[in-house]
Amino acid sequence: MKEILYVFVAIFLAELGDKTQLATIAFASKYGWVKAFLGAIFGLALVNLIGAVLGDKIGDALPLEVIHKGAGILFIVFGVLMLLGKL
């Protein structure tokens, strides 16, 4: 149960103020908060389901250290691309 709380807090903090939340605000202003909320829940749930399934499969194939390093490299690459205006 503690692991679920860890995932919840990590996802919650990662999503605060990001482009997904800003898009939800824009949709809510046009379609109302209930429709925007439900659409955001389903969209995020599907994306996170894909991530969880892929993570489970990758976790079976690679050591955790390799996964952590790969994720770190991806974050750096995305950060550099954002700084350069390519993303």
PDB file of N, CA and C in Angstrom:
ATOM      1  N   MET A   1       0.827  -1.203   0.000  1.00  0.00           N
ATOM      2  CA  MET A   1       0.000   0.000   0.000  1.00  0.00           C
ATOM      3  C   MET A   1       0.865   1.258   0.000  1.00  0.00           C
ATOM      4  N   LYS A   2       1.998   1.206   0.682  1.00  0.00           N
ATOM      5  CA  LYS A   2       2.901   2.347   0.747  1.00  0.00           C
ATOM      6  C   LYS A   2       3.404   2.711  -0.647  1.00  0.00           C
ATOM      7  N   GLU A   3       3.642   1.717  -1.495  1.00  0.00           N
ATOM      8  CA  GLU A   3       4.123   1.968  -2.847  1.00  0.00           C
ATOM      9  C   GLU A   3       3.102   2.748  -3.667  1.00  0.00           C
ATOM     10  N   ILE A   4       1.827   2.445  -3.470  1.00  0.00           N
ATOM     11  CA  ILE A   4       0.767   3.159  -4.195  1.00  0.00           C
ATOM     12  C   ILE A   4       0.782   4.637  -3.803  1.00  0.00           C
ATOM     13  N   LEU A   5       0.973   4.908  -2.530  1.00  0.00           N
ATOM     14  CA  LEU A   5       1.053   6.292  -2.070  1.00  0.00           C
ATOM     15  C   LEU A   5       2.257   6.996  -2.698  1.00  0.00           C
ATOM     16  N   TYR A   6       3.404   6.321  -2.779  1.00  0.00           N
ATOM     17  CA  TYR A   6       4.590   6.897  -3.407  1.00  0.00           C
ATOM     18  C   TYR A   6       4.318   7.267  -4.865  1.00  0.00           C
ATOM     19  N   VAL A   7       3.680   6.348  -5.590  1.00  0.00           N
ATOM     20  CA  VAL A   7       3.366   6.618  -6.997  1.00  0.00           C
ATOM     21  C   VAL A   7       2.385   7.779  -7.104  1.00  0.00           C
ATOM     22  N   PHE A   8       1.362   7.778  -6.250  1.00  0.00           N
ATOM     23  CA  PHE A   8       0.385   8.860  -6.264  1.00  0.00           C
ATOM     24  C   PHE A   8       1.058  10.219  -6.061  1.00  0.00           C
ATOM     25  N   VAL A   9       1.889  10.330  -5.037  1.00  0.00           N
ATOM     26  CA  VAL A   9       2.543  11.604  -4.736  1.00  0.00           C
ATOM     27  C   VAL A   9       3.461  12.028  -5.885  1.00  0.00           C
ATOM     28  N   ALA A  10       4.220  11.083  -6.442  1.00  0.00           N
ATOM     29  CA  ALA A  10       5.128  11.409  -7.543  1.00  0.00           C
ATOM     30  C   ALA A  10       4.356  11.912  -8.760  1.00  0.00           C
ATOM     31  N   ILE A  11       3.292  11.217  -9.125  1.00  0.00           N
ATOM     32  CA  ILE A  11       2.492  11.624 -10.294  1.00  0.00           C
ATOM     33  C   ILE A  11       1.785  12.946 -10.009  1.00  0.00           C
ATOM     34  N   PHE A  12       1.221  13.083  -8.822  1.00  0.00           N
ATOM     35  CA  PHE A  12       0.526  14.317  -8.468  1.00  0.00           C
ATOM     36  C   PHE A  12       1.456  15.523  -8.582  1.00  0.00           C
ATOM     37  N   LEU A  13       2.646  15.418  -8.000  1.00  0.00           N
ATOM     38  CA  LEU A  13       3.591  16.536  -8.046  1.00  0.00           C
ATOM     39  C   LEU A  13       4.103  16.787  -9.463  1.00  0.00           C
ATOM     40  N   ALA A  14       4.296  15.723 -10.236  1.00  0.00           N
ATOM     41  CA  ALA A  14       4.783  15.888 -11.608  1.00  0.00           C
ATOM     42  C   ALA A  14       3.745  16.569 -12.496  1.00  0.00           C
ATOM     43  N   GLU A  15       2.481  16.345 -12.212  1.00  0.00           N
ATOM     44  CA  GLU A  15       1.415  16.887 -13.053  1.00  0.00           C
ATOM     45  C   GLU A  15       1.025  18.315 -12.695  1.00  0.00           C
ATOM     46  N   LEU A  16       1.392  18.787 -11.509  1.00  0.00           N
ATOM     47  CA  LEU A  16       1.004  20.142 -11.106  1.00  0.00           C
ATOM     48  C   LEU A  16       1.640  21.172 -12.038  1.00  0.00           C
ATOM     49  N   GLY A  17       0.814  21.953 -12.684  1.00  0.00           N
ATOM     50  CA  GLY A  17       1.306  23.062 -13.502  1.00  0.00           C
ATOM     51  C   GLY A  17       1.917  22.671 -14.828  1.00  0.00           C
ATOM     52  N   ASP A  18       1.799  21.424 -15.234  1.00  0.00           N
ATOM     53  CA  ASP A  18       2.376  21.038 -16.519  1.00  0.00           C
ATOM     54  C   ASP A  18       1.386  21.311 -17.657  1.00  0.00           C
ATOM     55  N   LYS A  19       1.794  20.972 -18.864  1.00  0.00           N
ATOM     56  CA  LYS A  19       0.956  21.261 -20.038  1.00  0.00           C
ATOM     57  C   LYS A  19      -0.386  20.527 -19.978  1.00  0.00           C
ATOM     58  N   THR A  20      -0.412  19.357 -19.371  1.00  0.00           N
ATOM     59  CA  THR A  20      -1.667  18.613 -19.253  1.00  0.00           C
ATOM     60  C   THR A  20      -2.668  19.384 -18.397  1.00  0.00           C
ATOM     61  N   GLN A  21      -2.200  19.929 -17.297  1.00  0.00           N
ATOM     62  CA  GLN A  21      -3.097  20.685 -16.429  1.00  0.00           C
ATOM     63  C   GLN A  21      -3.575  21.960 -17.122  1.00  0.00           C
ATOM     64  N   LEU A  22      -2.681  22.612 -17.844  1.00  0.00           N
ATOM     65  CA  LEU A  22      -3.084  23.817 -18.571  1.00  0.00           C
ATOM     66  C   LEU A  22      -4.109  23.497 -19.657  1.00  0.00           C
ATOM     67  N   ALA A  23      -3.934  22.367 -20.338  1.00  0.00           N
ATOM     68  CA  ALA A  23      -4.918  21.943 -21.342  1.00  0.00           C
ATOM     69  C   ALA A  23      -6.261  21.648 -20.685  1.00  0.00           C
ATOM     70  N   THR A  24      -6.232  21.018 -19.517  1.00  0.00           N
ATOM     71  CA  THR A  24      -7.477  20.722 -18.800  1.00  0.00           C
ATOM     72  C   THR A  24      -8.189  22.015 -18.410  1.00  0.00           C
ATOM     73  N   ILE A  25      -7.429  23.013 -17.998  1.00  0.00           N
ATOM     74  CA  ILE A  25      -8.022  24.316 -17.670  1.00  0.00           C
ATOM     75  C   ILE A  25      -8.698  24.909 -18.899  1.00  0.00           C
ATOM     76  N   ALA A  26      -8.018  24.826 -20.041  1.00  0.00           N
ATOM     77  CA  ALA A  26      -8.586  25.372 -21.276  1.00  0.00           C
ATOM     78  C   ALA A  26      -9.857  24.623 -21.671  1.00  0.00           C
ATOM     79  N   PHE A  27      -9.834  23.296 -21.580  1.00  0.00           N
ATOM     80  CA  PHE A  27     -11.033  22.514 -21.913  1.00  0.00           C
ATOM     81  C   PHE A  27     -12.175  22.808 -20.938  1.00  0.00           C
ATOM     82  N   ALA A  28     -11.852  22.972 -19.662  1.00  0.00           N
ATOM     83  CA  ALA A  28     -12.886  23.269 -18.667  1.00  0.00           C
ATOM     84  C   ALA A  28     -13.551  24.605 -18.950  1.00  0.00           C
ATOM     85  N   SER A  29     -12.772  25.566 -19.438  1.00  0.00           N
ATOM     86  CA  SER A  29     -13.366  26.875 -19.729  1.00  0.00           C
ATOM     87  C   SER A  29     -14.328  26.798 -20.909  1.00  0.00           C
ATOM     88  N   LYS A  30     -14.135  25.807 -21.766  1.00  0.00           N
ATOM     89  CA  LYS A  30     -15.006  25.671 -22.936  1.00  0.00           C
ATOM     90  C   LYS A  30     -16.147  24.676 -22.709  1.00  0.00           C
ATOM     91  N   TYR A  31     -15.838  23.538 -22.047  1.00  0.00           N
ATOM     92  CA  TYR A  31     -16.823  22.452 -21.939  1.00  0.00           C
ATOM     93  C   TYR A  31     -17.358  22.241 -20.527  1.00  0.00           C
ATOM     94  N   GLY A  32     -16.842  22.967 -19.548  1.00  0.00           N
ATOM     95  CA  GLY A  32     -17.268  22.781 -18.160  1.00  0.00           C
ATOM     96  C   GLY A  32     -16.321  21.841 -17.426  1.00  0.00           C
ATOM     97  N   TRP A  33     -16.285  21.988 -16.106  1.00  0.00           N
ATOM     98  CA  TRP A  33     -15.300  21.241 -15.330  1.00  0.00           C
ATOM     99  C   TRP A  33     -15.563  19.746 -15.301  1.00  0.00           C
ATOM    100  N   VAL A  34     -16.835  19.321 -15.323  1.00  0.00           N
ATOM    101  CA  VAL A  34     -17.127  17.885 -15.231  1.00  0.00           C
ATOM    102  C   VAL A  34     -16.607  17.152 -16.466  1.00  0.00           C
ATOM    103  N   LYS A  35     -16.920  17.661 -17.657  1.00  0.00           N
ATOM    104  CA  LYS A  35     -16.456  17.009 -18.883  1.00  0.00           C
ATOM    105  C   LYS A  35     -14.931  17.043 -18.994  1.00  0.00           C
ATOM    106  N   ALA A  36     -14.344  18.179 -18.628  1.00  0.00           N
ATOM    107  CA  ALA A  36     -12.879  18.290 -18.676  1.00  0.00           C
ATOM    108  C   ALA A  36     -12.240  17.334 -17.671  1.00  0.00           C
ATOM    109  N   PHE A  37     -12.803  17.248 -16.482  1.00  0.00           N
ATOM    110  CA  PHE A  37     -12.282  16.356 -15.443  1.00  0.00           C
ATOM    111  C   PHE A  37     -12.367  14.894 -15.875  1.00  0.00           C
ATOM    112  N   LEU A  38     -13.523  14.496 -16.372  1.00  0.00           N
ATOM    113  CA  LEU A  38     -13.689  13.103 -16.814  1.00  0.00           C
ATOM    114  C   LEU A  38     -12.773  12.774 -17.988  1.00  0.00           C
ATOM    115  N   GLY A  39     -12.674  13.685 -18.945  1.00  0.00           N
ATOM    116  CA  GLY A  39     -11.773  13.459 -20.075  1.00  0.00           C
ATOM    117  C   GLY A  39     -10.325  13.368 -19.630  1.00  0.00           C
ATOM    118  N   ALA A  40      -9.936  14.234 -18.700  1.00  0.00           N
ATOM    119  CA  ALA A  40      -8.561  14.207 -18.192  1.00  0.00           C
ATOM    120  C   ALA A  40      -8.282  12.913 -17.437  1.00  0.00           C
ATOM    121  N   ILE A  41      -9.248  12.458 -16.644  1.00  0.00           N
ATOM    122  CA  ILE A  41      -9.062  11.202 -15.902  1.00  0.00           C
ATOM    123  C   ILE A  41      -8.847  10.044 -16.873  1.00  0.00           C
ATOM    124  N   PHE A  42      -9.722   9.925 -17.862  1.00  0.00           N
ATOM    125  CA  PHE A  42      -9.610   8.803 -18.811  1.00  0.00           C
ATOM    126  C   PHE A  42      -8.327   8.892 -19.635  1.00  0.00           C
ATOM    127  N   GLY A  43      -7.990  10.106 -20.075  1.00  0.00           N
ATOM    128  CA  GLY A  43      -6.767  10.275 -20.863  1.00  0.00           C
ATOM    129  C   GLY A  43      -5.517   9.930 -20.060  1.00  0.00           C
ATOM    130  N   LEU A  44      -5.426  10.453 -18.845  1.00  0.00           N
ATOM    131  CA  LEU A  44      -4.260  10.164 -18.009  1.00  0.00           C
ATOM    132  C   LEU A  44      -4.225   8.701 -17.584  1.00  0.00           C
ATOM    133  N   ALA A  45      -5.404   8.125 -17.318  1.00  0.00           N
ATOM    134  CA  ALA A  45      -5.436   6.716 -16.931  1.00  0.00           C
ATOM    135  C   ALA A  45      -4.906   5.835 -18.059  1.00  0.00           C
ATOM    136  N   LEU A  46      -5.307   6.114 -19.284  1.00  0.00           N
ATOM    137  CA  LEU A  46      -4.849   5.302 -20.417  1.00  0.00           C
ATOM    138  C   LEU A  46      -3.353   5.464 -20.632  1.00  0.00           C
ATOM    139  N   VAL A  47      -2.872   6.689 -20.595  1.00  0.00           N
ATOM    140  CA  VAL A  47      -1.439   6.926 -20.779  1.00  0.00           C
ATOM    141  C   VAL A  47      -0.637   6.240 -19.674  1.00  0.00           C
ATOM    142  N   ASN A  48      -1.124   6.328 -18.435  1.00  0.00           N
ATOM    143  CA  ASN A  48      -0.415   5.698 -17.330  1.00  0.00           C
ATOM    144  C   ASN A  48      -0.513   4.176 -17.368  1.00  0.00           C
ATOM    145  N   LEU A  49      -1.603   3.642 -17.889  1.00  0.00           N
ATOM    146  CA  LEU A  49      -1.706   2.193 -18.083  1.00  0.00           C
ATOM    147  C   LEU A  49      -0.639   1.722 -19.074  1.00  0.00           C
ATOM    148  N   ILE A  50      -0.493   2.452 -20.165  1.00  0.00           N
ATOM    149  CA  ILE A  50       0.540   2.108 -21.156  1.00  0.00           C
ATOM    150  C   ILE A  50       1.922   2.164 -20.505  1.00  0.00           C
ATOM    151  N   GLY A  51       2.186   3.222 -19.740  1.00  0.00           N
ATOM    152  CA  GLY A  51       3.472   3.344 -19.063  1.00  0.00           C
ATOM    153  C   GLY A  51       3.716   2.230 -18.064  1.00  0.00           C
ATOM    154  N   ALA A  52       2.680   1.859 -17.316  1.00  0.00           N
ATOM    155  CA  ALA A  52       2.830   0.804 -16.314  1.00  0.00           C
ATOM    156  C   ALA A  52       3.103  -0.547 -16.975  1.00  0.00           C
ATOM    157  N   VAL A  53       2.385  -0.845 -18.050  1.00  0.00           N
ATOM    158  CA  VAL A  53       2.597  -2.122 -18.753  1.00  0.00           C
ATOM    159  C   VAL A  53       3.989  -2.165 -19.369  1.00  0.00           C
ATOM    160  N   LEU A  54       4.387  -1.075 -20.037  1.00  0.00           N
ATOM    161  CA  LEU A  54       5.737  -1.029 -20.613  1.00  0.00           C
ATOM    162  C   LEU A  54       6.806  -1.119 -19.528  1.00  0.00           C
ATOM    163  N   GLY A  55       6.598  -0.407 -18.425  1.00  0.00           N
ATOM    164  CA  GLY A  55       7.557  -0.456 -17.321  1.00  0.00           C
ATOM    165  C   GLY A  55       7.691  -1.845 -16.739  1.00  0.00           C
ATOM    166  N   ASP A  56       6.579  -2.551 -16.638  1.00  0.00           N
ATOM    167  CA  ASP A  56       6.603  -3.917 -16.130  1.00  0.00           C
ATOM    168  C   ASP A  56       7.401  -4.826 -17.057  1.00  0.00           C
ATOM    169  N   LYS A  57       7.176  -4.674 -18.361  1.00  0.00           N
ATOM    170  CA  LYS A  57       7.902  -5.497 -19.347  1.00  0.00           C
ATOM    171  C   LYS A  57       9.391  -5.145 -19.366  1.00  0.00           C
ATOM    172  N   ILE A  58       9.696  -3.849 -19.334  1.00  0.00           N
ATOM    173  CA  ILE A  58      11.096  -3.420 -19.336  1.00  0.00           C
ATOM    174  C   ILE A  58      11.784  -3.894 -18.051  1.00  0.00           C
ATOM    175  N   GLY A  59      11.048  -3.827 -16.935  1.00  0.00           N
ATOM    176  CA  GLY A  59      11.596  -4.271 -15.657  1.00  0.00           C
ATOM    177  C   GLY A  59      11.943  -5.742 -15.639  1.00  0.00           C
ATOM    178  N   ASP A  60      11.216  -6.537 -16.418  1.00  0.00           N
ATOM    179  CA  ASP A  60      11.529  -7.958 -16.529  1.00  0.00           C
ATOM    180  C   ASP A  60      12.779  -8.196 -17.367  1.00  0.00           C
ATOM    181  N   ALA A  61      13.074  -7.281 -18.279  1.00  0.00           N
ATOM    182  CA  ALA A  61      14.160  -7.494 -19.242  1.00  0.00           C
ATOM    183  C   ALA A  61      15.469  -6.814 -18.847  1.00  0.00           C
ATOM    184  N   LEU A  62      15.401  -5.735 -18.062  1.00  0.00           N
ATOM    185  CA  LEU A  62      16.605  -4.955 -17.748  1.00  0.00           C
ATOM    186  C   LEU A  62      16.766  -4.771 -16.245  1.00  0.00           C
ATOM    187  N   PRO A  63      18.005  -4.655 -15.797  1.00  0.00           N
ATOM    188  CA  PRO A  63      18.225  -4.349 -14.376  1.00  0.00           C
ATOM    189  C   PRO A  63      17.738  -2.940 -14.040  1.00  0.00           C
ATOM    190  N   LEU A  64      17.321  -2.737 -12.804  1.00  0.00           N
ATOM    191  CA  LEU A  64      16.775  -1.448 -12.372  1.00  0.00           C
ATOM    192  C   LEU A  64      17.784  -0.312 -12.563  1.00  0.00           C
ATOM    193  N   GLU A  65      19.049  -0.572 -12.346  1.00  0.00           N
ATOM    194  CA  GLU A  65      20.082   0.457 -12.518  1.00  0.00           C
ATOM    195  C   GLU A  65      20.112   0.972 -13.960  1.00  0.00           C
ATOM    196  N   VAL A  66      19.980   0.080 -14.923  1.00  0.00           N
ATOM    197  CA  VAL A  66      19.968   0.471 -16.339  1.00  0.00           C
ATOM    198  C   VAL A  66      18.726   1.311 -16.638  1.00  0.00           C
ATOM    199  N   ILE A  67      17.604   0.925 -16.075  1.00  0.00           N
ATOM    200  CA  ILE A  67      16.360   1.675 -16.277  1.00  0.00           C
ATOM    201  C   ILE A  67      16.497   3.088 -15.706  1.00  0.00           C
ATOM    202  N   HIS A  68      17.053   3.207 -14.501  1.00  0.00           N
ATOM    203  CA  HIS A  68      17.237   4.525 -13.883  1.00  0.00           C
ATOM    204  C   HIS A  68      18.165   5.404 -14.715  1.00  0.00           C
ATOM    205  N   LYS A  69      19.258   4.841 -15.175  1.00  0.00           N
ATOM    206  CA  LYS A  69      20.195   5.628 -15.995  1.00  0.00           C
ATOM    207  C   LYS A  69      19.556   6.036 -17.318  1.00  0.00           C
ATOM    208  N   GLY A  70      18.824   5.119 -17.934  1.00  0.00           N
ATOM    209  CA  GLY A  70      18.143   5.435 -19.190  1.00  0.00           C
ATOM    210  C   GLY A  70      17.109   6.535 -19.010  1.00  0.00           C
ATOM    211  N   ALA A  71      16.347   6.470 -17.911  1.00  0.00           N
ATOM    212  CA  ALA A  71      15.346   7.507 -17.633  1.00  0.00           C
ATOM    213  C   ALA A  71      16.035   8.851 -17.399  1.00  0.00           C
ATOM    214  N   GLY A  72      17.149   8.838 -16.679  1.00  0.00           N
ATOM    215  CA  GLY A  72      17.892  10.069 -16.440  1.00  0.00           C
ATOM    216  C   GLY A  72      18.400  10.682 -17.732  1.00  0.00           C
ATOM    217  N   ILE A  73      18.915   9.854 -18.613  1.00  0.00           N
ATOM    218  CA  ILE A  73      19.400  10.338 -19.908  1.00  0.00           C
ATOM    219  C   ILE A  73      18.258  10.930 -20.725  1.00  0.00           C
ATOM    220  N   LEU A  74      17.104  10.264 -20.725  1.00  0.00           N
ATOM    221  CA  LEU A  74      15.945  10.788 -21.458  1.00  0.00           C
ATOM    222  C   LEU A  74      15.510  12.150 -20.908  1.00  0.00           C
ATOM    223  N   PHE A  75      15.488  12.300 -19.583  1.00  0.00           N
ATOM    224  CA  PHE A  75      15.124  13.590 -18.993  1.00  0.00           C
ATOM    225  C   PHE A  75      16.104  14.676 -19.422  1.00  0.00           C
ATOM    226  N   ILE A  76      17.383  14.354 -19.425  1.00  0.00           N
ATOM    227  CA  ILE A  76      18.391  15.337 -19.856  1.00  0.00           C
ATOM    228  C   ILE A  76      18.181  15.711 -21.315  1.00  0.00           C
ATOM    229  N   VAL A  77      17.967  14.715 -22.175  1.00  0.00           N
ATOM    230  CA  VAL A  77      17.748  14.969 -23.607  1.00  0.00           C
ATOM    231  C   VAL A  77      16.513  15.849 -23.804  1.00  0.00           C
ATOM    232  N   PHE A  78      15.400  15.509 -23.129  1.00  0.00           N
ATOM    233  CA  PHE A  78      14.187  16.320 -23.254  1.00  0.00           C
ATOM    234  C   PHE A  78      14.421  17.737 -22.747  1.00  0.00           C
ATOM    235  N   GLY A  79      15.155  17.887 -21.636  1.00  0.00           N
ATOM    236  CA  GLY A  79      15.455  19.203 -21.096  1.00  0.00           C
ATOM    237  C   GLY A  79      16.263  20.051 -22.062  1.00  0.00           C
ATOM    238  N   VAL A  80      17.276  19.447 -22.665  1.00  0.00           N
ATOM    239  CA  VAL A  80      18.108  20.176 -23.650  1.00  0.00           C
ATOM    240  C   VAL A  80      17.269  20.560 -24.859  1.00  0.00           C
ATOM    241  N   LEU A  81      16.446  19.636 -25.350  1.00  0.00           N
ATOM    242  CA  LEU A  81      15.583  19.938 -26.494  1.00  0.00           C
ATOM    243  C   LEU A  81      14.612  21.077 -26.173  1.00  0.00           C
ATOM    244  N   MET A  82      14.097  21.087 -24.950  1.00  0.00           N
ATOM    245  CA  MET A  82      13.182  22.175 -24.551  1.00  0.00           C
ATOM    246  C   MET A  82      13.931  23.502 -24.498  1.00  0.00           C
ATOM    247  N   LEU A  83      15.140  23.491 -23.953  1.00  0.00           N
ATOM    248  CA  LEU A  83      15.941  24.719 -23.893  1.00  0.00           C
ATOM    249  C   LEU A  83      16.270  25.255 -25.281  1.00  0.00           C
ATOM    250  N   LEU A  84      16.461  24.350 -26.231  1.00  0.00           N
ATOM    251  CA  LEU A  84      16.777  24.749 -27.592  1.00  0.00           C
ATOM    252  C   LEU A  84      15.530  25.097 -28.417  1.00  0.00           C
ATOM    253  N   GLY A  85      14.350  24.929 -27.794  1.00  0.00           N
ATOM    254  CA  GLY A  85      13.106  25.227 -28.492  1.00  0.00           C
ATOM    255  C   GLY A  85      12.706  24.192 -29.522  1.00  0.00           C
ATOM    256  N   LYS A  86      13.230  22.989 -29.396  1.00  0.00           N
ATOM    257  CA  LYS A  86      12.917  21.925 -30.353  1.00  0.00           C
ATOM    258  C   LYS A  86      11.789  21.028 -29.874  1.00  0.00           C
ATOM    259  N   LEU A  87      11.298  21.271 -28.665  1.00  0.00           N
ATOM    260  CA  LEU A  87      10.252  20.413 -28.113  1.00  0.00           C
ATOM    261  C   LEU A  87       9.144  21.251 -27.521  1.00  0.00           C
TER     262      LEU A  87
END
